[in-house]
Protein backbone atom coordinates (compact mmCIF):
# COMPACT_ATOMS: atom_id res chain seq x y z
CA MET A 1 -64.78 -12.12 15.82
CA GLU A 2 -68.47 -11.19 16.07
CA LYS A 3 -68.77 -13.32 19.21
CA LEU A 4 -65.87 -11.42 20.76
CA VAL A 5 -67.54 -8.09 19.99
CA GLY A 6 -70.76 -9.44 21.48
CA GLU A 7 -68.90 -10.52 24.62
CA VAL A 8 -67.32 -7.09 24.94
CA SER A 9 -70.75 -5.50 24.57
CA LYS A 10 -72.17 -7.84 27.20
CA GLN A 11 -69.31 -6.98 29.55
CA GLN A 12 -69.93 -3.27 28.99
CA LEU A 13 -73.61 -3.84 29.71
CA VAL A 14 -72.77 -5.66 32.94
CA ASP A 15 -70.41 -2.84 33.96
CA ASP A 16 -73.03 -0.20 33.19
CA PHE A 17 -75.67 -2.13 35.12
CA LYS A 18 -73.35 -2.34 38.13
CA VAL A 19 -73.11 1.45 38.09
CA VAL A 20 -76.90 1.75 37.98
CA VAL A 21 -77.24 -0.67 40.90
CA ALA A 22 -74.65 1.27 42.91
CA ASP A 23 -76.49 4.53 42.19
CA ALA A 24 -79.81 2.98 43.24
CA GLU A 25 -78.24 1.75 46.48
CA ALA A 26 -76.90 5.24 47.16
CA LEU A 27 -80.37 6.65 46.53
CA LEU A 28 -81.88 4.17 48.96
CA LYS A 29 -79.36 5.15 51.63
CA ALA A 30 -80.04 8.84 51.02
CA THR A 31 -83.80 8.38 51.44
CA ALA A 32 -83.46 6.16 54.53
CA SER A 33 -84.24 9.05 56.85
CA HIS A 34 -87.53 9.86 55.13
CA GLY A 35 -90.52 8.30 56.81
CA GLY A 36 -93.85 7.12 55.65
CA GLU A 37 -95.43 3.79 54.89
CA LYS A 38 -95.36 4.23 51.11
CA VAL A 39 -91.67 5.20 51.12
CA ALA A 40 -90.78 2.21 53.30
CA GLU A 41 -92.76 -0.11 51.03
CA LEU A 42 -91.13 1.31 47.91
CA ARG A 43 -87.70 1.07 49.51
CA ALA A 44 -88.29 -2.61 50.36
CA LYS A 45 -89.41 -3.41 46.81
CA THR A 46 -86.40 -1.60 45.40
CA GLU A 47 -84.03 -3.48 47.70
CA GLU A 48 -85.52 -6.80 46.57
CA SER A 49 -85.16 -5.80 42.93
CA LEU A 50 -81.57 -4.77 43.50
CA LYS A 51 -80.74 -8.09 45.15
CA ALA A 52 -82.23 -9.97 42.19
CA ALA A 53 -80.36 -7.74 39.75
CA LYS A 54 -77.06 -8.36 41.55
CA VAL A 55 -77.59 -12.11 41.27
CA ARG A 56 -78.32 -11.82 37.53
CA ILE A 57 -75.26 -9.60 37.03
CA HIS A 58 -73.05 -12.11 38.80
CA GLU A 59 -74.44 -14.97 36.70
CA ALA A 60 -73.96 -13.02 33.47
CA GLN A 61 -70.42 -12.12 34.46
CA ASP A 62 -69.64 -15.79 35.17
CA VAL A 63 -70.94 -16.75 31.72
CA ILE A 64 -68.85 -14.04 30.06
CA VAL A 65 -65.70 -15.17 31.90
CA ALA A 66 -66.32 -18.81 30.96
CA LYS A 67 -66.88 -17.97 27.29
CA THR A 68 -63.78 -15.77 27.23
CA LYS A 69 -61.68 -18.59 28.67
CA VAL A 70 -63.01 -20.99 26.03
CA ALA A 71 -62.24 -18.48 23.25
CA ALA A 72 -58.72 -17.97 24.59
CA LYS A 73 -58.14 -21.73 24.73
CA VAL A 74 -59.40 -22.22 21.17
CA THR A 75 -57.21 -19.37 19.94
CA ASP A 76 -54.18 -20.82 21.72
CA GLU A 77 -54.79 -24.24 20.17
CA TYR A 78 -55.17 -22.71 16.69
CA VAL A 79 -51.95 -20.75 17.03
CA HIS A 80 -50.08 -23.86 18.13
CA GLU A 81 -51.51 -25.90 15.26
CA ASN A 82 -50.99 -23.18 12.62
CA PRO A 83 -48.02 -21.05 13.69
CA TRP A 84 -47.12 -19.75 10.23
CA LYS A 85 -50.69 -18.73 9.43
CA SER A 86 -50.88 -16.97 12.77
CA ILE A 87 -47.61 -15.12 12.12
CA GLY A 88 -48.87 -14.10 8.68
CA VAL A 89 -52.16 -12.81 10.03
CA ALA A 90 -50.41 -10.91 12.83
CA ALA A 91 -47.95 -9.38 10.33
CA GLY A 92 -50.83 -8.37 8.04
CA VAL A 93 -52.77 -6.76 10.87
CA GLY A 94 -49.62 -4.98 12.02
CA LEU A 95 -48.99 -3.71 8.50
CA ILE A 96 -52.54 -2.37 8.17
CA ILE A 97 -52.38 -0.67 11.56
CA GLY A 98 -48.99 0.81 10.68
CA MET A 99 -50.34 2.16 7.41
CA LEU A 100 -53.36 3.70 9.15
CA ILE A 101 -51.18 5.33 11.80
CA GLY A 102 -48.76 6.56 9.13
CA ARG A 103 -51.56 8.39 7.30
CA ARG A 104 -52.01 10.87 10.13
């Protein structure tokens, strides 16, 4: 379960980083009309950094997808091997959620 929470956190981090990259690209486009050697140099460095960040994001996302598929496969195998345990756990979780909702 902790691995799943970690994967969700990693996915949220990837999503947040994509937003930052998109904002940085928008900033670069907005400053494209400004001249100057320093601005052009800074813009080029930023574009290179963004390209590298996009590659890392894509790699991290691929790892997250692969790990999620493995976790889903393992869960499916467990449920098929232990159907009654799985039903019991699902019923218990449902009961707890029902009790928590009923308290409100």
